[in-house]
């Protein structure tokens, strides 16, 4: 009886964690899409680029290149 309740609670916590992580990933992808469209539109305007575009470009470089590489390296170390 106790083991069934424990398994049910653990399964519920696992499902809640999966939903939370999936939601955070979707929010992060939405944020990257907004920033990417802002940077591309600013570069296409052929006008003065404000400094925020540079910060957004660095954010995109970090989030699209370095963060996935870091995750892959640490995942491979765990295996």
Protein backbone atom coordinates (compact mmCIF):
# COMPACT_ATOMS: atom_id res chain seq x y z
CA UNK A 1 0.00 0.00 0.00
CA UNK A 2 2.75 2.44 0.95
CA UNK A 3 4.81 1.53 -2.11
CA UNK A 4 1.86 2.21 -4.44
CA UNK A 5 1.27 5.62 -2.87
CA UNK A 6 4.99 6.38 -3.06
CA UNK A 7 5.09 5.38 -6.76
CA UNK A 8 2.02 7.52 -7.46
CA UNK A 9 3.58 10.55 -5.76
CA UNK A 10 6.90 10.07 -7.54
CA UNK A 11 5.12 9.71 -10.89
CA UNK A 12 3.15 12.89 -10.19
CA UNK A 13 6.31 14.81 -9.31
CA UNK A 14 8.00 13.51 -12.48
CA UNK A 15 5.06 14.63 -14.64
CA UNK A 16 4.98 18.05 -12.95
CA UNK A 17 8.74 18.46 -13.53
CA UNK A 18 8.41 17.48 -17.20
CA UNK A 19 5.55 19.94 -17.74
CA UNK A 20 7.49 22.72 -15.97
CA UNK A 21 10.66 22.12 -17.99
CA UNK A 22 8.69 21.90 -21.25
CA UNK A 23 6.97 25.19 -20.41
CA UNK A 24 10.28 26.88 -19.65
CA UNK A 25 11.77 25.60 -22.91
CA UNK A 26 8.78 26.90 -24.88
CA UNK A 27 9.03 30.29 -23.16
CA UNK A 28 12.77 30.44 -23.89
CA UNK A 29 12.17 29.58 -27.56
CA UNK A 30 9.50 32.27 -27.79
CA UNK A 31 11.89 34.78 -26.24
CA UNK A 32 14.64 33.82 -28.68
CA UNK A 33 12.24 34.22 -31.61
CA UNK A 34 11.28 37.71 -30.51
CA UNK A 35 14.90 38.75 -30.00
CA UNK A 36 15.99 37.19 -33.30
CA UNK A 37 13.29 39.01 -35.24
CA UNK A 38 14.22 42.27 -33.52
CA UNK A 39 17.91 41.88 -34.40
CA UNK A 40 17.25 40.85 -38.01
CA UNK A 41 14.81 43.72 -38.54
CA UNK A 42 17.28 46.24 -37.06
CA UNK A 43 20.09 44.99 -39.31
CA UNK A 44 17.89 45.22 -42.40
CA UNK A 45 16.88 48.85 -41.75
CA UNK A 46 20.27 50.27 -42.87
CA UNK A 47 20.22 52.85 -40.10
CA UNK A 48 22.12 53.45 -36.91
CA UNK A 49 22.07 50.35 -34.70
CA UNK A 50 21.42 51.05 -31.03
CA UNK A 51 23.54 49.34 -28.41
CA UNK A 52 20.66 47.11 -27.33
CA UNK A 53 20.94 45.30 -30.67
CA UNK A 54 24.53 44.36 -29.77
CA UNK A 55 23.40 43.05 -26.41
CA UNK A 56 20.62 41.06 -28.09
CA UNK A 57 23.09 39.65 -30.62
CA UNK A 58 25.39 38.51 -27.82
CA UNK A 59 22.39 36.95 -26.05
CA UNK A 60 21.50 35.07 -29.23
CA UNK A 61 25.07 33.89 -29.71
CA UNK A 62 25.19 32.65 -26.14
CA UNK A 63 21.75 31.04 -26.14
CA UNK A 64 21.91 29.46 -29.59
CA UNK A 65 25.56 28.31 -29.58
CA UNK A 66 27.22 28.17 -26.18
CA UNK A 67 24.33 26.99 -24.01
CA UNK A 68 23.49 23.95 -26.19
CA UNK A 69 27.18 23.03 -26.46
CA UNK A 70 27.55 23.31 -22.68
CA UNK A 71 24.52 21.05 -22.19
CA UNK A 72 25.85 18.48 -24.65
CA UNK A 73 29.28 18.40 -23.03
CA UNK A 74 27.84 17.92 -19.54
CA UNK A 75 25.41 15.28 -20.78
CA UNK A 76 28.27 13.35 -22.37
CA UNK A 77 30.30 13.55 -19.12
CA UNK A 78 27.39 12.03 -17.19
CA UNK A 79 27.21 9.04 -19.53
